[in-house]
Amino acid sequence: MTAYGYPDYLYHKKKHEWFTEEFSCIKGKLETGAPLVEIIGLSNNLLITWFSNHIRTTDKALGGFLASKNKGA
């Protein structure tokens, strides 16, 4: 993203940092023995949110940007 000068790099990076923090929180709950049903619910919600929002919007915008840069190469 930085090599191509992606204008929404910081926003995109923050979204990935958010995902990593959320995943770490779920992992911590697993390691401390939280009920498995809670962990499954949190995991499902996180992944559904990530796939439905981030990949379909944020990553798609990045893909379009990179494709436009590739056409000029």
PDB file of N, CA and C in Angstrom:
ATOM      1  N   MET A   1       0.826  -1.188   0.000  1.00  0.00           N
ATOM      2  CA  MET A   1       0.000   0.000   0.000  1.00  0.00           C
ATOM      3  C   MET A   1       0.869   1.249   0.000  1.00  0.00           C
ATOM      4  N   THR A   2       1.921   1.216   0.801  1.00  0.00           N
ATOM      5  CA  THR A   2       2.770   2.402   0.857  1.00  0.00           C
ATOM      6  C   THR A   2       3.596   2.544  -0.417  1.00  0.00           C
ATOM      7  N   ALA A   3       3.995   1.435  -1.011  1.00  0.00           N
ATOM      8  CA  ALA A   3       4.802   1.496  -2.235  1.00  0.00           C
ATOM      9  C   ALA A   3       4.040   2.155  -3.383  1.00  0.00           C
ATOM     10  N   TYR A   4       2.711   2.003  -3.380  1.00  0.00           N
ATOM     11  CA  TYR A   4       1.888   2.587  -4.437  1.00  0.00           C
ATOM     12  C   TYR A   4       1.218   3.892  -4.009  1.00  0.00           C
ATOM     13  N   GLY A   5       1.489   4.331  -2.801  1.00  0.00           N
ATOM     14  CA  GLY A   5       0.916   5.586  -2.334  1.00  0.00           C
ATOM     15  C   GLY A   5      -0.583   5.529  -2.095  1.00  0.00           C
ATOM     16  N   TYR A   6      -1.045   4.430  -1.536  1.00  0.00           N
ATOM     17  CA  TYR A   6      -2.481   4.275  -1.282  1.00  0.00           C
ATOM     18  C   TYR A   6      -2.954   5.346  -0.293  1.00  0.00           C
ATOM     19  N   PRO A   7      -3.894   6.188  -0.689  1.00  0.00           N
ATOM     20  CA  PRO A   7      -4.297   7.314   0.158  1.00  0.00           C
ATOM     21  C   PRO A   7      -5.004   6.915   1.456  1.00  0.00           C
ATOM     22  N   ASP A   8      -5.617   5.742   1.507  1.00  0.00           N
ATOM     23  CA  ASP A   8      -6.323   5.300   2.714  1.00  0.00           C
ATOM     24  C   ASP A   8      -5.507   4.298   3.525  1.00  0.00           C
ATOM     25  N   TYR A   9      -4.197   4.354   3.369  1.00  0.00           N
ATOM     26  CA  TYR A   9      -3.321   3.402   4.052  1.00  0.00           C
ATOM     27  C   TYR A   9      -3.528   3.405   5.570  1.00  0.00           C
ATOM     28  N   LEU A  10      -3.509   4.576   6.191  1.00  0.00           N
ATOM     29  CA  LEU A  10      -3.622   4.638   7.648  1.00  0.00           C
ATOM     30  C   LEU A  10      -4.960   4.086   8.132  1.00  0.00           C
ATOM     31  N   TYR A  11      -6.031   4.408   7.427  1.00  0.00           N
ATOM     32  CA  TYR A  11      -7.349   3.871   7.777  1.00  0.00           C
ATOM     33  C   TYR A  11      -7.342   2.346   7.667  1.00  0.00           C
ATOM     34  N   HIS A  12      -6.799   1.855   6.568  1.00  0.00           N
ATOM     35  CA  HIS A  12      -6.759   0.415   6.324  1.00  0.00           C
ATOM     36  C   HIS A  12      -5.910  -0.277   7.403  1.00  0.00           C
ATOM     37  N   LYS A  13      -4.785   0.301   7.717  1.00  0.00           N
ATOM     38  CA  LYS A  13      -3.901  -0.260   8.736  1.00  0.00           C
ATOM     39  C   LYS A  13      -4.601  -0.304  10.090  1.00  0.00           C
ATOM     40  N   LYS A  14      -5.323   0.762  10.436  1.00  0.00           N
ATOM     41  CA  LYS A  14      -6.043   0.795  11.712  1.00  0.00           C
ATOM     42  C   LYS A  14      -7.099  -0.305  11.782  1.00  0.00           C
ATOM     43  N   LYS A  15      -7.739  -0.576  10.670  1.00  0.00           N
ATOM     44  CA  LYS A  15      -8.741  -1.648  10.641  1.00  0.00           C
ATOM     45  C   LYS A  15      -8.098  -3.003  10.910  1.00  0.00           C
ATOM     46  N   HIS A  16      -6.917  -3.231  10.350  1.00  0.00           N
ATOM     47  CA  HIS A  16      -6.213  -4.489  10.604  1.00  0.00           C
ATOM     48  C   HIS A  16      -5.736  -4.563  12.047  1.00  0.00           C
ATOM     49  N   GLU A  17      -5.311  -3.453  12.600  1.00  0.00           N
ATOM     50  CA  GLU A  17      -4.907  -3.417  14.007  1.00  0.00           C
ATOM     51  C   GLU A  17      -6.097  -3.725  14.911  1.00  0.00           C
ATOM     52  N   TRP A  18      -7.255  -3.178  14.562  1.00  0.00           N
ATOM     53  CA  TRP A  18      -8.477  -3.457  15.334  1.00  0.00           C
ATOM     54  C   TRP A  18      -8.775  -4.953  15.316  1.00  0.00           C
ATOM     55  N   PHE A  19      -8.696  -5.566  14.127  1.00  0.00           N
ATOM     56  CA  PHE A  19      -8.971  -6.996  14.005  1.00  0.00           C
ATOM     57  C   PHE A  19      -8.001  -7.797  14.870  1.00  0.00           C
ATOM     58  N   THR A  20      -6.733  -7.446  14.816  1.00  0.00           N
ATOM     59  CA  THR A  20      -5.715  -8.153  15.592  1.00  0.00           C
ATOM     60  C   THR A  20      -5.991  -8.033  17.086  1.00  0.00           C
ATOM     61  N   GLU A  21      -6.381  -6.846  17.543  1.00  0.00           N
ATOM     62  CA  GLU A  21      -6.703  -6.641  18.961  1.00  0.00           C
ATOM     63  C   GLU A  21      -7.918  -7.467  19.375  1.00  0.00           C
ATOM     64  N   GLU A  22      -8.938  -7.473  18.541  1.00  0.00           N
ATOM     65  CA  GLU A  22     -10.142  -8.250  18.845  1.00  0.00           C
ATOM     66  C   GLU A  22      -9.827  -9.747  18.903  1.00  0.00           C
ATOM     67  N   PHE A  23      -9.028 -10.196  17.954  1.00  0.00           N
ATOM     68  CA  PHE A  23      -8.651 -11.609  17.922  1.00  0.00           C
ATOM     69  C   PHE A  23      -7.833 -11.966  19.166  1.00  0.00           C
ATOM     70  N   SER A  24      -6.923 -11.091  19.560  1.00  0.00           N
ATOM     71  CA  SER A  24      -6.113 -11.325  20.766  1.00  0.00           C
ATOM     72  C   SER A  24      -6.986 -11.406  22.008  1.00  0.00           C
ATOM     73  N   CYS A  25      -8.004 -10.585  22.054  1.00  0.00           N
ATOM     74  CA  CYS A  25      -8.934 -10.607  23.184  1.00  0.00           C
ATOM     75  C   CYS A  25      -9.655 -11.958  23.260  1.00  0.00           C
ATOM     76  N   ILE A  26     -10.098 -12.426  22.119  1.00  0.00           N
ATOM     77  CA  ILE A  26     -10.775 -13.729  22.080  1.00  0.00           C
ATOM     78  C   ILE A  26      -9.800 -14.832  22.481  1.00  0.00           C
ATOM     79  N   LYS A  27      -8.588 -14.769  21.990  1.00  0.00           N
ATOM     80  CA  LYS A  27      -7.564 -15.751  22.341  1.00  0.00           C
ATOM     81  C   LYS A  27      -7.313 -15.742  23.839  1.00  0.00           C
ATOM     82  N   GLY A  28      -7.264 -14.554  24.428  1.00  0.00           N
ATOM     83  CA  GLY A  28      -7.071 -14.447  25.866  1.00  0.00           C
ATOM     84  C   GLY A  28      -8.191 -15.096  26.647  1.00  0.00           C
ATOM     85  N   LYS A  29      -9.408 -14.920  26.176  1.00  0.00           N
ATOM     86  CA  LYS A  29     -10.554 -15.558  26.834  1.00  0.00           C
ATOM     87  C   LYS A  29     -10.439 -17.080  26.759  1.00  0.00           C
ATOM     88  N   LEU A  30      -9.989 -17.572  25.614  1.00  0.00           N
ATOM     89  CA  LEU A  30      -9.809 -19.011  25.443  1.00  0.00           C
ATOM     90  C   LEU A  30      -8.757 -19.537  26.423  1.00  0.00           C
ATOM     91  N   GLU A  31      -7.665 -18.797  26.533  1.00  0.00           N
ATOM     92  CA  GLU A  31      -6.575 -19.221  27.412  1.00  0.00           C
ATOM     93  C   GLU A  31      -6.936 -19.151  28.891  1.00  0.00           C
ATOM     94  N   THR A  32      -7.886 -18.293  29.243  1.00  0.00           N
ATOM     95  CA  THR A  32      -8.284 -18.192  30.654  1.00  0.00           C
ATOM     96  C   THR A  32      -9.467 -19.092  30.987  1.00  0.00           C
ATOM     97  N   GLY A  33      -9.918 -19.857  30.022  1.00  0.00           N
ATOM     98  CA  GLY A  33     -10.968 -20.838  30.306  1.00  0.00           C
ATOM     99  C   GLY A  33     -12.383 -20.308  30.213  1.00  0.00           C
ATOM    100  N   ALA A  34     -12.596 -19.253  29.463  1.00  0.00           N
ATOM    101  CA  ALA A  34     -13.963 -18.751  29.265  1.00  0.00           C
ATOM    102  C   ALA A  34     -14.811 -19.846  28.623  1.00  0.00           C
ATOM    103  N   PRO A  35     -16.122 -19.796  28.836  1.00  0.00           N
ATOM    104  CA  PRO A  35     -16.992 -20.814  28.248  1.00  0.00           C
ATOM    105  C   PRO A  35     -16.830 -20.866  26.722  1.00  0.00           C
ATOM    106  N   LEU A  36     -16.728 -22.077  26.221  1.00  0.00           N
ATOM    107  CA  LEU A  36     -16.505 -22.272  24.791  1.00  0.00           C
ATOM    108  C   LEU A  36     -17.615 -21.651  23.948  1.00  0.00           C
ATOM    109  N   VAL A  37     -18.831 -21.706  24.413  1.00  0.00           N
ATOM    110  CA  VAL A  37     -19.937 -21.123  23.658  1.00  0.00           C
ATOM    111  C   VAL A  37     -19.742 -19.610  23.504  1.00  0.00           C
ATOM    112  N   GLU A  38     -19.198 -18.962  24.513  1.00  0.00           N
ATOM    113  CA  GLU A  38     -18.913 -17.523  24.425  1.00  0.00           C
ATOM    114  C   GLU A  38     -17.825 -17.262  23.383  1.00  0.00           C
ATOM    115  N   ILE A  39     -16.795 -18.065  23.416  1.00  0.00           N
ATOM    116  CA  ILE A  39     -15.682 -17.899  22.477  1.00  0.00           C
ATOM    117  C   ILE A  39     -16.143 -18.127  21.041  1.00  0.00           C
ATOM    118  N   ILE A  40     -16.966 -19.129  20.839  1.00  0.00           N
ATOM    119  CA  ILE A  40     -17.491 -19.407  19.499  1.00  0.00           C
ATOM    120  C   ILE A  40     -18.329 -18.233  19.013  1.00  0.00           C
ATOM    121  N   GLY A  41     -19.176 -17.704  19.878  1.00  0.00           N
ATOM    122  CA  GLY A  41     -20.006 -16.551  19.508  1.00  0.00           C
ATOM    123  C   GLY A  41     -19.178 -15.331  19.162  1.00  0.00           C
ATOM    124  N   LEU A  42     -18.180 -15.036  19.975  1.00  0.00           N
ATOM    125  CA  LEU A  42     -17.306 -13.892  19.706  1.00  0.00           C
ATOM    126  C   LEU A  42     -16.527 -14.082  18.407  1.00  0.00           C
ATOM    127  N   SER A  43     -16.022 -15.290  18.205  1.00  0.00           N
ATOM    128  CA  SER A  43     -15.277 -15.592  16.974  1.00  0.00           C
ATOM    129  C   SER A  43     -16.156 -15.448  15.748  1.00  0.00           C
ATOM    130  N   ASN A  44     -17.342 -15.998  15.814  1.00  0.00           N
ATOM    131  CA  ASN A  44     -18.270 -15.900  14.676  1.00  0.00           C
ATOM    132  C   ASN A  44     -18.595 -14.444  14.360  1.00  0.00           C
ATOM    133  N   ASN A  45     -18.898 -13.669  15.387  1.00  0.00           N
ATOM    134  CA  ASN A  45     -19.225 -12.252  15.168  1.00  0.00           C
ATOM    135  C   ASN A  45     -18.056 -11.497  14.562  1.00  0.00           C
ATOM    136  N   LEU A  46     -16.855 -11.754  15.070  1.00  0.00           N
ATOM    137  CA  LEU A  46     -15.675 -11.074  14.546  1.00  0.00           C
ATOM    138  C   LEU A  46     -15.452 -11.424  13.078  1.00  0.00           C
ATOM    139  N   LEU A  47     -15.514 -12.706  12.760  1.00  0.00           N
ATOM    140  CA  LEU A  47     -15.251 -13.124  11.379  1.00  0.00           C
ATOM    141  C   LEU A  47     -16.344 -12.660  10.425  1.00  0.00           C
ATOM    142  N   ILE A  48     -17.581 -12.710  10.853  1.00  0.00           N
ATOM    143  CA  ILE A  48     -18.677 -12.231   9.995  1.00  0.00           C
ATOM    144  C   ILE A  48     -18.508 -10.738   9.737  1.00  0.00           C
ATOM    145  N   THR A  49     -18.196  -9.983  10.776  1.00  0.00           N
ATOM    146  CA  THR A  49     -17.976  -8.545  10.614  1.00  0.00           C
ATOM    147  C   THR A  49     -16.809  -8.289   9.670  1.00  0.00           C
ATOM    148  N   TRP A  50     -15.726  -9.008   9.864  1.00  0.00           N
ATOM    149  CA  TRP A  50     -14.533  -8.812   9.046  1.00  0.00           C
ATOM    150  C   TRP A  50     -14.807  -9.134   7.584  1.00  0.00           C
ATOM    151  N   PHE A  51     -15.410 -10.286   7.342  1.00  0.00           N
ATOM    152  CA  PHE A  51     -15.665 -10.684   5.958  1.00  0.00           C
ATOM    153  C   PHE A  51     -16.719  -9.811   5.285  1.00  0.00           C
ATOM    154  N   SER A  52     -17.781  -9.506   6.002  1.00  0.00           N
ATOM    155  CA  SER A  52     -18.862  -8.757   5.362  1.00  0.00           C
ATOM    156  C   SER A  52     -18.543  -7.280   5.216  1.00  0.00           C
ATOM    157  N   ASN A  53     -17.778  -6.713   6.137  1.00  0.00           N
ATOM    158  CA  ASN A  53     -17.492  -5.285   6.065  1.00  0.00           C
ATOM    159  C   ASN A  53     -16.122  -4.996   5.476  1.00  0.00           C
ATOM    160  N   HIS A  54     -15.105  -5.509   6.091  1.00  0.00           N
ATOM    161  CA  HIS A  54     -13.754  -5.138   5.680  1.00  0.00           C
ATOM    162  C   HIS A  54     -13.404  -5.656   4.288  1.00  0.00           C
ATOM    163  N   ILE A  55     -13.554  -6.916   4.075  1.00  0.00           N
ATOM    164  CA  ILE A  55     -13.128  -7.490   2.798  1.00  0.00           C
ATOM    165  C   ILE A  55     -13.986  -6.977   1.657  1.00  0.00           C
ATOM    166  N   ARG A  56     -15.291  -6.883   1.875  1.00  0.00           N
ATOM    167  CA  ARG A  56     -16.177  -6.451   0.790  1.00  0.00           C
ATOM    168  C   ARG A  56     -16.126  -4.957   0.525  1.00  0.00           C
ATOM    169  N   THR A  57     -15.583  -4.172   1.438  1.00  0.00           N
ATOM    170  CA  THR A  57     -15.530  -2.729   1.199  1.00  0.00           C
ATOM    171  C   THR A  57     -14.091  -2.205   1.179  1.00  0.00           C
ATOM    172  N   THR A  58     -13.399  -2.330   2.302  1.00  0.00           N
ATOM    173  CA  THR A  58     -12.065  -1.755   2.429  1.00  0.00           C
ATOM    174  C   THR A  58     -11.061  -2.444   1.508  1.00  0.00           C
ATOM    175  N   ASP A  59     -11.050  -3.765   1.521  1.00  0.00           N
ATOM    176  CA  ASP A  59     -10.122  -4.485   0.642  1.00  0.00           C
ATOM    177  C   ASP A  59     -10.505  -4.332  -0.825  1.00  0.00           C
ATOM    178  N   LYS A  60     -11.785  -4.256  -1.092  1.00  0.00           N
ATOM    179  CA  LYS A  60     -12.236  -4.060  -2.479  1.00  0.00           C
ATOM    180  C   LYS A  60     -11.764  -2.703  -3.004  1.00  0.00           C
ATOM    181  N   ALA A  61     -11.835  -1.679  -2.169  1.00  0.00           N
ATOM    182  CA  ALA A  61     -11.344  -0.356  -2.573  1.00  0.00           C
ATOM    183  C   ALA A  61      -9.842  -0.400  -2.828  1.00  0.00           C
ATOM    184  N   LEU A  62      -9.119  -1.087  -1.980  1.00  0.00           N
ATOM    185  CA  LEU A  62      -7.676  -1.237  -2.184  1.00  0.00           C
ATOM    186  C   LEU A  62      -7.398  -1.974  -3.492  1.00  0.00           C
ATOM    187  N   GLY A  63      -8.147  -3.026  -3.742  1.00  0.00           N
ATOM    188  CA  GLY A  63      -7.974  -3.781  -4.983  1.00  0.00           C
ATOM    189  C   GLY A  63      -8.204  -2.919  -6.225  1.00  0.00           C
ATOM    190  N   GLY A  64      -9.231  -2.085  -6.179  1.00  0.00           N
ATOM    191  CA  GLY A  64      -9.504  -1.189  -7.293  1.00  0.00           C
ATOM    192  C   GLY A  64      -8.373  -0.198  -7.493  1.00  0.00           C
ATOM    193  N   PHE A  65      -7.860   0.324  -6.389  1.00  0.00           N
ATOM    194  CA  PHE A  65      -6.748   1.275  -6.464  1.00  0.00           C
ATOM    195  C   PHE A  65      -5.524   0.611  -7.079  1.00  0.00           C
ATOM    196  N   LEU A  66      -5.191  -0.580  -6.594  1.00  0.00           N
ATOM    197  CA  LEU A  66      -4.011  -1.283  -7.112  1.00  0.00           C
ATOM    198  C   LEU A  66      -4.199  -1.683  -8.583  1.00  0.00           C
ATOM    199  N   ALA A  67      -5.407  -2.069  -8.954  1.00  0.00           N
ATOM    200  CA  ALA A  67      -5.673  -2.418 -10.343  1.00  0.00           C
ATOM    201  C   ALA A  67      -5.465  -1.207 -11.244  1.00  0.00           C
ATOM    202  N   SER A  68      -5.894  -0.040 -10.775  1.00  0.00           N
ATOM    203  CA  SER A  68      -5.708   1.175 -11.583  1.00  0.00           C
ATOM    204  C   SER A  68      -4.224   1.514 -11.726  1.00  0.00           C
ATOM    205  N   LYS A  69      -3.440   1.248 -10.704  1.00  0.00           N
ATOM    206  CA  LYS A  69      -1.998   1.485 -10.770  1.00  0.00           C
ATOM    207  C   LYS A  69      -1.338   0.488 -11.716  1.00  0.00           C
ATOM    208  N   ASN A  70      -1.847  -0.734 -11.714  1.00  0.00           N
ATOM    209  CA  ASN A  70      -1.286  -1.794 -12.557  1.00  0.00           C
ATOM    210  C   ASN A  70      -1.575  -1.531 -14.038  1.00  0.00           C
ATOM    211  N   LYS A  71      -2.702  -0.915 -14.342  1.00  0.00           N
ATOM    212  CA  LYS A  71      -3.050  -0.597 -15.737  1.00  0.00           C
ATOM    213  C   LYS A  71      -2.075   0.402 -16.316  1.00  0.00           C
ATOM    214  N   GLY A  72      -1.567   1.270 -15.472  1.00  0.00           N
ATOM    215  CA  GLY A  72      -0.637   2.289 -15.940  1.00  0.00           C
ATOM    216  C   GLY A  72       0.792   1.777 -16.093  1.00  0.00           C
ATOM    217  N   ALA A  73       1.037   0.560 -15.612  1.00  0.00           N
ATOM    218  CA  ALA A  73       2.406   0.021 -15.662  1.00  0.00           C
ATOM    219  C   ALA A  73       2.738  -0.582 -17.006  1.00  0.00           C
TER     220      ALA A  73
END
